[in-house]
PDB file of all heavy atoms in Angstrom:
ATOM      1  N   SER A   1      17.483  69.896  29.520  1.00  0.00           N
ATOM      2  CA  SER A   1      17.155  70.917  30.534  1.00  0.00           C
ATOM      3  C   SER A   1      16.350  72.092  30.022  1.00  0.00           C
ATOM      4  O   SER A   1      16.580  72.576  28.901  1.00  0.00           O
ATOM      5  CB  SER A   1      18.535  71.416  31.105  1.00  0.00           C
ATOM      6  OG  SER A   1      18.254  72.581  31.993  1.00  0.00           O
ATOM      7  N   ARG A   2      15.335  72.546  30.766  1.00  0.00           N
ATOM      8  CA  ARG A   2      14.524  73.649  30.337  1.00  0.00           C
ATOM      9  C   ARG A   2      14.842  74.860  31.235  1.00  0.00           C
ATOM     10  O   ARG A   2      14.125  75.927  31.174  1.00  0.00           O
ATOM     11  CB  ARG A   2      13.107  73.309  30.518  1.00  0.00           C
ATOM     12  CG  ARG A   2      12.636  72.185  29.487  1.00  0.00           C
ATOM     13  CD  ARG A   2      11.235  71.907  29.629  1.00  0.00           C
ATOM     14  NE  ARG A   2      10.729  70.936  28.655  1.00  0.00           N
ATOM     15  CZ  ARG A   2       9.519  70.479  28.518  1.00  0.00           C
ATOM     16  NH1 ARG A   2       8.559  70.893  29.271  1.00  0.00           N
ATOM     17  NH2 ARG A   2       9.241  69.529  27.540  1.00  0.00           N
ATOM     18  N   LYS A   3      15.829  74.763  32.072  1.00  0.00           N
ATOM     19  CA  LYS A   3      16.212  75.866  32.908  1.00  0.00           C
ATOM     20  C   LYS A   3      17.102  76.879  32.202  1.00  0.00           C
ATOM     21  O   LYS A   3      17.729  76.602  31.132  1.00  0.00           O
ATOM     22  CB  LYS A   3      16.917  75.396  34.151  1.00  0.00           C
ATOM     23  CG  LYS A   3      15.998  74.561  35.149  1.00  0.00           C
ATOM     24  CD  LYS A   3      16.728  74.390  36.453  1.00  0.00           C
ATOM     25  CE  LYS A   3      15.798  73.712  37.427  1.00  0.00           C
ATOM     26  NZ  LYS A   3      16.418  73.546  38.784  1.00  0.00           N
ATOM     27  N   GLY A   4      17.159  78.126  32.672  1.00  0.00           N
ATOM     28  CA  GLY A   4      17.974  79.089  32.113  1.00  0.00           C
ATOM     29  C   GLY A   4      19.431  78.737  32.314  1.00  0.00           C
ATOM     30  O   GLY A   4      19.782  78.274  33.440  1.00  0.00           O
ATOM     31  N   ILE A   5      20.345  79.136  31.446  1.00  0.00           N
ATOM     32  CA  ILE A   5      21.738  78.856  31.578  1.00  0.00           C
ATOM     33  C   ILE A   5      22.537  80.152  31.838  1.00  0.00           C
ATOM     34  O   ILE A   5      22.381  81.064  30.976  1.00  0.00           O
ATOM     35  CB  ILE A   5      22.300  78.146  30.323  1.00  0.00           C
ATOM     36  CG1 ILE A   5      21.562  76.799  30.072  1.00  0.00           C
ATOM     37  CG2 ILE A   5      23.783  77.911  30.472  1.00  0.00           C
ATOM     38  CD1 ILE A   5      21.771  75.758  31.114  1.00  0.00           C
ATOM     39  N   HIS A   6      23.219  80.220  32.899  1.00  0.00           N
ATOM     40  CA  HIS A   6      24.110  81.271  33.179  1.00  0.00           C
ATOM     41  C   HIS A   6      25.543  80.765  33.184  1.00  0.00           C
ATOM     42  O   HIS A   6      25.879  79.957  33.936  1.00  0.00           O
ATOM     43  CB  HIS A   6      23.814  81.880  34.511  1.00  0.00           C
ATOM     44  CG  HIS A   6      22.655  82.818  34.565  1.00  0.00           C
ATOM     45  ND1 HIS A   6      22.310  83.670  35.620  1.00  0.00           N
ATOM     46  CD2 HIS A   6      21.633  83.060  33.641  1.00  0.00           C
ATOM     47  CE1 HIS A   6      21.273  84.348  35.332  1.00  0.00           C
ATOM     48  NE2 HIS A   6      20.865  83.966  34.119  1.00  0.00           N
ATOM     49  N   ILE A   7      26.345  81.237  32.256  1.00  0.00           N
ATOM     50  CA  ILE A   7      27.752  80.907  32.188  1.00  0.00           C
ATOM     51  C   ILE A   7      28.543  81.702  33.244  1.00  0.00           C
ATOM     52  O   ILE A   7      28.457  82.951  33.244  1.00  0.00           O
ATOM     53  CB  ILE A   7      28.411  81.157  30.788  1.00  0.00           C
ATOM     54  CG1 ILE A   7      27.633  80.182  29.796  1.00  0.00           C
ATOM     55  CG2 ILE A   7      29.867  80.869  30.813  1.00  0.00           C
ATOM     56  CD1 ILE A   7      28.032  80.422  28.358  1.00  0.00           C
ATOM     57  N   THR A   8      29.205  81.043  34.122  1.00  0.00           N
ATOM     58  CA  THR A   8      29.904  81.639  35.242  1.00  0.00           C
ATOM     59  C   THR A   8      31.371  81.368  35.081  1.00  0.00           C
ATOM     60  O   THR A   8      31.851  80.219  35.041  1.00  0.00           O
ATOM     61  CB  THR A   8      29.419  81.051  36.616  1.00  0.00           C
ATOM     62  OG1 THR A   8      28.000  81.329  36.751  1.00  0.00           O
ATOM     63  CG2 THR A   8      30.203  81.737  37.737  1.00  0.00           C
ATOM     64  N   MET A   9      32.240  82.450  34.995  1.00  0.00           N
ATOM     65  CA  MET A   9      33.634  82.318  34.861  1.00  0.00           C
ATOM     66  C   MET A   9      34.267  82.442  36.238  1.00  0.00           C
ATOM     67  O   MET A   9      34.014  83.439  36.950  1.00  0.00           O
ATOM     68  CB  MET A   9      34.156  83.420  33.915  1.00  0.00           C
ATOM     69  CG  MET A   9      33.663  83.286  32.459  1.00  0.00           C
ATOM     70  SD  MET A   9      34.139  81.734  31.592  1.00  0.00           S
ATOM     71  CE  MET A   9      35.874  81.798  31.712  1.00  0.00           C
ATOM     72  N   ILE A  10      35.061  81.469  36.609  1.00  0.00           N
ATOM     73  CA  ILE A  10      35.820  81.503  37.847  1.00  0.00           C
ATOM     74  C   ILE A  10      37.250  81.658  37.510  1.00  0.00           C
ATOM     75  O   ILE A  10      37.829  80.787  36.892  1.00  0.00           O
ATOM     76  CB  ILE A  10      35.511  80.180  38.752  1.00  0.00           C
ATOM     77  CG1 ILE A  10      34.029  80.012  38.927  1.00  0.00           C
ATOM     78  CG2 ILE A  10      36.243  80.285  40.049  1.00  0.00           C
ATOM     79  CD1 ILE A  10      33.710  78.710  39.731  1.00  0.00           C
ATOM     80  N   THR A  11      37.786  82.792  37.834  1.00  0.00           N
ATOM     81  CA  THR A  11      39.234  83.094  37.441  1.00  0.00           C
ATOM     82  C   THR A  11      39.938  83.591  38.602  1.00  0.00           C
ATOM     83  O   THR A  11      39.360  83.925  39.718  1.00  0.00           O
ATOM     84  CB  THR A  11      39.168  84.152  36.298  1.00  0.00           C
ATOM     85  OG1 THR A  11      38.665  85.288  36.724  1.00  0.00           O
ATOM     86  CG2 THR A  11      38.409  83.633  35.042  1.00  0.00           C
ATOM     87  N   THR A  12      41.227  83.772  38.459  1.00  0.00           N
ATOM     88  CA  THR A  12      42.087  84.341  39.515  1.00  0.00           C
ATOM     89  C   THR A  12      41.854  85.876  39.613  1.00  0.00           C
ATOM     90  O   THR A  12      41.619  86.421  40.735  1.00  0.00           O
ATOM     91  CB  THR A  12      43.563  84.093  39.354  1.00  0.00           C
ATOM     92  OG1 THR A  12      43.817  84.230  37.918  1.00  0.00           O
ATOM     93  CG2 THR A  12      43.872  82.613  39.719  1.00  0.00           C
ATOM     94  N   PHE A  13      41.928  86.594  38.543  1.00  0.00           N
ATOM     95  CA  PHE A  13      41.902  88.050  38.577  1.00  0.00           C
ATOM     96  C   PHE A  13      40.868  88.626  37.539  1.00  0.00           C
ATOM     97  O   PHE A  13      40.951  89.688  37.063  1.00  0.00           O
ATOM     98  CB  PHE A  13      43.244  88.598  38.270  1.00  0.00           C
ATOM     99  CG  PHE A  13      44.253  88.257  39.278  1.00  0.00           C
ATOM    100  CD1 PHE A  13      45.227  87.311  38.975  1.00  0.00           C
ATOM    101  CD2 PHE A  13      44.210  88.689  40.563  1.00  0.00           C
ATOM    102  CE1 PHE A  13      46.172  86.928  39.867  1.00  0.00           C
ATOM    103  CE2 PHE A  13      45.134  88.273  41.524  1.00  0.00           C
ATOM    104  CZ  PHE A  13      46.112  87.392  41.169  1.00  0.00           C
ATOM    105  N   GLY A  14      39.797  87.810  37.231  1.00  0.00           N
ATOM    106  CA  GLY A  14      38.760  88.300  36.353  1.00  0.00           C
ATOM    107  C   GLY A  14      39.126  88.221  34.880  1.00  0.00           C
ATOM    108  O   GLY A  14      40.233  87.734  34.530  1.00  0.00           O
ATOM    109  N   LEU A  15      38.068  88.479  33.986  1.00  0.00           N
ATOM    110  CA  LEU A  15      38.295  88.426  32.570  1.00  0.00           C
ATOM    111  C   LEU A  15      38.813  89.739  31.994  1.00  0.00           C
ATOM    112  O   LEU A  15      38.230  90.838  32.351  1.00  0.00           O
ATOM    113  CB  LEU A  15      37.003  87.993  31.932  1.00  0.00           C
ATOM    114  CG  LEU A  15      36.559  86.550  31.976  1.00  0.00           C
ATOM    115  CD1 LEU A  15      35.217  86.443  31.200  1.00  0.00           C
ATOM    116  CD2 LEU A  15      37.616  85.631  31.282  1.00  0.00           C
ATOM    117  N   LYS A  16      39.728  89.622  31.116  1.00  0.00           N
ATOM    118  CA  LYS A  16      40.192  90.821  30.409  1.00  0.00           C
ATOM    119  C   LYS A  16      39.104  91.117  29.325  1.00  0.00           C
ATOM    120  O   LYS A  16      38.614  90.196  28.619  1.00  0.00           O
ATOM    121  CB  LYS A  16      41.531  90.564  29.755  1.00  0.00           C
ATOM    122  CG  LYS A  16      42.040  91.823  28.997  1.00  0.00           C
ATOM    123  CD  LYS A  16      43.457  91.523  28.469  1.00  0.00           C
ATOM    124  CE  LYS A  16      44.021  92.739  27.717  1.00  0.00           C
ATOM    125  NZ  LYS A  16      45.376  92.432  27.252  1.00  0.00           N
ATOM    126  N   GLU A  17      38.663  92.330  29.278  1.00  0.00           N
ATOM    127  CA  GLU A  17      37.591  92.639  28.243  1.00  0.00           C
ATOM    128  C   GLU A  17      38.155  92.533  26.813  1.00  0.00           C
ATOM    129  O   GLU A  17      39.156  93.083  26.520  1.00  0.00           O
ATOM    130  CB  GLU A  17      37.140  94.081  28.444  1.00  0.00           C
ATOM    131  CG  GLU A  17      36.170  94.227  29.628  1.00  0.00           C
ATOM    132  CD  GLU A  17      35.432  95.576  29.684  1.00  0.00           C
ATOM    133  OE1 GLU A  17      35.148  96.081  28.532  1.00  0.00           O
ATOM    134  OE2 GLU A  17      35.104  96.032  30.726  1.00  0.00           O
ATOM    135  N   ASN A  18      37.335  91.711  26.060  1.00  0.00           N
ATOM    136  CA  ASN A  18      37.602  91.565  24.649  1.00  0.00           C
ATOM    137  C   ASN A  18      36.369  91.100  23.929  1.00  0.00           C
ATOM    138  O   ASN A  18      35.301  91.138  24.526  1.00  0.00           O
ATOM    139  CB  ASN A  18      38.845  90.593  24.397  1.00  0.00           C
ATOM    140  CG  ASN A  18      38.501  89.128  24.869  1.00  0.00           C
ATOM    141  OD1 ASN A  18      37.395  88.817  25.093  1.00  0.00           O
ATOM    142  ND2 ASN A  18      39.574  88.466  25.070  1.00  0.00           N
ATOM    143  N   ALA A  19      36.479  90.666  22.725  1.00  0.00           N
ATOM    144  CA  ALA A  19      35.287  90.340  21.898  1.00  0.00           C
ATOM    145  C   ALA A  19      34.585  89.085  22.500  1.00  0.00           C
ATOM    146  O   ALA A  19      33.420  88.876  22.115  1.00  0.00           O
ATOM    147  CB  ALA A  19      35.659  90.015  20.507  1.00  0.00           C
ATOM    148  N   TYR A  20      35.231  88.388  23.419  1.00  0.00           N
ATOM    149  CA  TYR A  20      34.532  87.113  23.856  1.00  0.00           C
ATOM    150  C   TYR A  20      34.196  87.164  25.334  1.00  0.00           C
ATOM    151  O   TYR A  20      33.596  86.258  25.859  1.00  0.00           O
ATOM    152  CB  TYR A  20      35.505  85.920  23.640  1.00  0.00           C
ATOM    153  CG  TYR A  20      36.061  85.890  22.156  1.00  0.00           C
ATOM    154  CD1 TYR A  20      37.316  86.268  21.931  1.00  0.00           C
ATOM    155  CD2 TYR A  20      35.187  85.582  21.108  1.00  0.00           C
ATOM    156  CE1 TYR A  20      37.775  86.331  20.586  1.00  0.00           C
ATOM    157  CE2 TYR A  20      35.552  85.627  19.788  1.00  0.00           C
ATOM    158  CZ  TYR A  20      36.852  85.972  19.533  1.00  0.00           C
ATOM    159  OH  TYR A  20      37.315  85.990  18.242  1.00  0.00           O
ATOM    160  N   SER A  21      34.600  88.155  26.081  1.00  0.00           N
ATOM    161  CA  SER A  21      34.418  88.196  27.543  1.00  0.00           C
ATOM    162  C   SER A  21      32.937  88.330  27.912  1.00  0.00           C
ATOM    163  O   SER A  21      32.588  88.056  29.015  1.00  0.00           O
ATOM    164  CB  SER A  21      35.159  89.353  28.149  1.00  0.00           C
ATOM    165  OG  SER A  21      34.917  90.603  27.585  1.00  0.00           O
ATOM    166  N   SER A  22      32.154  88.776  27.056  1.00  0.00           N
ATOM    167  CA  SER A  22      30.713  88.987  27.339  1.00  0.00           C
ATOM    168  C   SER A  22      29.945  87.670  27.484  1.00  0.00           C
ATOM    169  O   SER A  22      28.687  87.685  27.799  1.00  0.00           O
ATOM    170  CB  SER A  22      30.020  89.866  26.266  1.00  0.00           C
ATOM    171  OG  SER A  22      30.099  89.242  24.982  1.00  0.00           O
ATOM    172  N   ILE A  23      30.596  86.560  27.250  1.00  0.00           N
ATOM    173  CA  ILE A  23      29.937  85.234  27.414  1.00  0.00           C
ATOM    174  C   ILE A  23      29.499  84.978  28.885  1.00  0.00           C
ATOM    175  O   ILE A  23      28.597  84.220  29.116  1.00  0.00           O
ATOM    176  CB  ILE A  23      30.905  84.109  26.885  1.00  0.00           C
ATOM    177  CG1 ILE A  23      30.147  82.821  26.737  1.00  0.00           C
ATOM    178  CG2 ILE A  23      32.106  83.916  27.842  1.00  0.00           C
ATOM    179  CD1 ILE A  23      31.011  81.705  26.119  1.00  0.00           C
ATOM    180  N   ALA A  24      30.194  85.654  29.748  1.00  0.00           N
ATOM    181  CA  ALA A  24      29.880  85.349  31.214  1.00  0.00           C
ATOM    182  C   ALA A  24      28.808  86.197  31.758  1.00  0.00           C
ATOM    183  O   ALA A  24      28.871  87.388  31.686  1.00  0.00           O
ATOM    184  CB  ALA A  24      31.209  85.521  32.003  1.00  0.00           C
ATOM    185  N   GLN A  25      27.813  85.573  32.313  1.00  0.00           N
ATOM    186  CA  GLN A  25      26.772  86.336  33.047  1.00  0.00           C
ATOM    187  C   GLN A  25      27.193  86.562  34.504  1.00  0.00           C
ATOM    188  O   GLN A  25      26.679  87.562  35.128  1.00  0.00           O
ATOM    189  CB  GLN A  25      25.433  85.486  33.125  1.00  0.00           C
ATOM    190  CG  GLN A  25      24.653  85.615  31.780  1.00  0.00           C
ATOM    191  CD  GLN A  25      24.983  84.595  30.766  1.00  0.00           C
ATOM    192  OE1 GLN A  25      25.633  83.588  31.171  1.00  0.00           O
ATOM    193  NE2 GLN A  25      24.732  84.750  29.490  1.00  0.00           N
ATOM    194  N   ASN A  26      28.079  85.736  35.016  1.00  0.00           N
ATOM    195  CA  ASN A  26      28.534  85.819  36.404  1.00  0.00           C
ATOM    196  C   ASN A  26      30.057  85.686  36.486  1.00  0.00           C
ATOM    197  O   ASN A  26      30.615  85.003  35.570  1.00  0.00           O
ATOM    198  CB  ASN A  26      27.877  84.799  37.333  1.00  0.00           C
ATOM    199  CG  ASN A  26      26.399  84.766  37.167  1.00  0.00           C
ATOM    200  OD1 ASN A  26      25.834  83.994  36.484  1.00  0.00           O
ATOM    201  ND2 ASN A  26      25.741  85.648  37.888  1.00  0.00           N
ATOM    202  N   SER A  27      30.618  86.238  37.477  1.00  0.00           N
ATOM    203  CA  SER A  27      32.137  86.139  37.608  1.00  0.00           C
ATOM    204  C   SER A  27      32.449  85.916  39.051  1.00  0.00           C
ATOM    205  O   SER A  27      31.864  86.569  39.977  1.00  0.00           O
ATOM    206  CB  SER A  27      32.787  87.364  37.154  1.00  0.00           C
ATOM    207  OG  SER A  27      34.151  87.297  37.371  1.00  0.00           O
ATOM    208  N   VAL A  28      33.377  85.020  39.345  1.00  0.00           N
ATOM    209  CA  VAL A  28      33.952  84.769  40.643  1.00  0.00           C
ATOM    210  C   VAL A  28      35.449  84.904  40.485  1.00  0.00           C
ATOM    211  O   VAL A  28      36.044  84.289  39.475  1.00  0.00           O
ATOM    212  CB  VAL A  28      33.584  83.328  41.204  1.00  0.00           C
ATOM    213  CG1 VAL A  28      34.240  83.028  42.565  1.00  0.00           C
ATOM    214  CG2 VAL A  28      32.013  83.199  41.349  1.00  0.00           C
ATOM    215  N   VAL A  29      36.123  85.541  41.417  1.00  0.00           N
ATOM    216  CA  VAL A  29      37.582  85.765  41.321  1.00  0.00           C
ATOM    217  C   VAL A  29      38.235  85.191  42.523  1.00  0.00           C
ATOM    218  O   VAL A  29      37.564  84.753  43.526  1.00  0.00           O
ATOM    219  CB  VAL A  29      37.901  87.183  41.163  1.00  0.00           C
ATOM    220  CG1 VAL A  29      37.357  87.793  39.833  1.00  0.00           C
ATOM    221  CG2 VAL A  29      37.424  88.052  42.327  1.00  0.00           C
ATOM    222  N   LEU A  30      39.570  85.129  42.531  1.00  0.00           N
ATOM    223  CA  LEU A  30      40.335  84.522  43.636  1.00  0.00           C
ATOM    224  C   LEU A  30      39.971  85.126  44.998  1.00  0.00           C
ATOM    225  O   LEU A  30      39.784  84.315  45.981  1.00  0.00           O
ATOM    226  CB  LEU A  30      41.876  84.680  43.359  1.00  0.00           C
ATOM    227  CG  LEU A  30      42.763  84.156  44.436  1.00  0.00           C
ATOM    228  CD1 LEU A  30      42.550  82.686  44.530  1.00  0.00           C
ATOM    229  CD2 LEU A  30      44.208  84.422  44.048  1.00  0.00           C
ATOM    230  N   ASP A  31      39.835  86.400  45.137  1.00  0.00           N
ATOM    231  CA  ASP A  31      39.519  86.974  46.417  1.00  0.00           C
ATOM    232  C   ASP A  31      38.211  86.401  47.027  1.00  0.00           C
ATOM    233  O   ASP A  31      38.078  86.328  48.226  1.00  0.00           O
ATOM    234  CB  ASP A  31      39.410  88.484  46.275  1.00  0.00           C
ATOM    235  CG  ASP A  31      40.711  89.250  46.220  1.00  0.00           C
ATOM    236  OD1 ASP A  31      41.770  88.596  46.524  1.00  0.00           O
ATOM    237  OD2 ASP A  31      40.789  90.399  45.846  1.00  0.00           O
ATOM    238  N   ASP A  32      37.262  86.077  46.156  1.00  0.00           N
ATOM    239  CA  ASP A  32      35.999  85.436  46.585  1.00  0.00           C
ATOM    240  C   ASP A  32      36.230  84.155  47.274  1.00  0.00           C
ATOM    241  O   ASP A  32      35.468  83.746  48.190  1.00  0.00           O
ATOM    242  CB  ASP A  32      35.042  85.319  45.410  1.00  0.00           C
ATOM    243  CG  ASP A  32      34.600  86.634  44.800  1.00  0.00           C
ATOM    244  OD1 ASP A  32      34.402  87.566  45.626  1.00  0.00           O
ATOM    245  OD2 ASP A  32      34.458  86.615  43.577  1.00  0.00           O
ATOM    246  N   LEU A  33      37.302  83.388  46.834  1.00  0.00           N
ATOM    247  CA  LEU A  33      37.560  82.115  47.462  1.00  0.00           C
ATOM    248  C   LEU A  33      38.121  82.256  48.873  1.00  0.00           C
ATOM    249  O   LEU A  33      38.138  81.240  49.643  1.00  0.00           O
ATOM    250  CB  LEU A  33      38.433  81.288  46.574  1.00  0.00           C
ATOM    251  CG  LEU A  33      37.961  81.033  45.163  1.00  0.00           C
ATOM    252  CD1 LEU A  33      39.021  80.139  44.421  1.00  0.00           C
ATOM    253  CD2 LEU A  33      36.644  80.360  45.112  1.00  0.00           C
ATOM    254  N   PHE A  34      38.525  83.432  49.224  1.00  0.00           N
ATOM    255  CA  PHE A  34      39.084  83.645  50.571  1.00  0.00           C
ATOM    256  C   PHE A  34      37.997  84.319  51.480  1.00  0.00           C
ATOM    257  O   PHE A  34      38.335  84.770  52.566  1.00  0.00           O
ATOM    258  CB  PHE A  34      40.227  84.734  50.475  1.00  0.00           C
ATOM    259  CG  PHE A  34      41.527  84.062  49.937  1.00  0.00           C
ATOM    260  CD1 PHE A  34      41.749  83.875  48.647  1.00  0.00           C
ATOM    261  CD2 PHE A  34      42.555  83.827  50.906  1.00  0.00           C
ATOM    262  CE1 PHE A  34      42.947  83.326  48.140  1.00  0.00           C
ATOM    263  CE2 PHE A  34      43.793  83.277  50.490  1.00  0.00           C
ATOM    264  CZ  PHE A  34      43.976  83.016  49.077  1.00  0.00           C
TER     265      PHE A  34
END
């Protein structure tokens, strides 16, 4: 693939900020599914 990669985290209540949370370019949470 030559397309850009965006890592998207789909979680219930978002990511807790820590040394690894910056991996996500996009975020979807439980409320979005409603």
